[in-house]
């Protein structure tokens, strides 16, 4: 029985190296979008591409840089100060 591979944990701001170079000659990419598709920006020329997560995981050679400091989701700060509206409508 084979064990399925665990998905790679990508974060926005990670710099990754893919196996095949971009036509501009660069092999390093910055992660700019995460989801079912991964958005990448070429470090050399700035070109943006959108690849499926499975393609990026297959082509991944190594992580060049992984930022240590992770900011919490920006929406979480905004939601902390909000209160639920009063159901009676009185203010």
Foldseek 3Di string as FASTA:
>chain_A
DDDDDDQDDDDAQWKFFFQDADPVGARIWGFHDDDQWTWTAGPPPRDIDIGGSVVCVVGTDGTPDDDPDDDPDPVVVVVVPDDDDDPVPDD
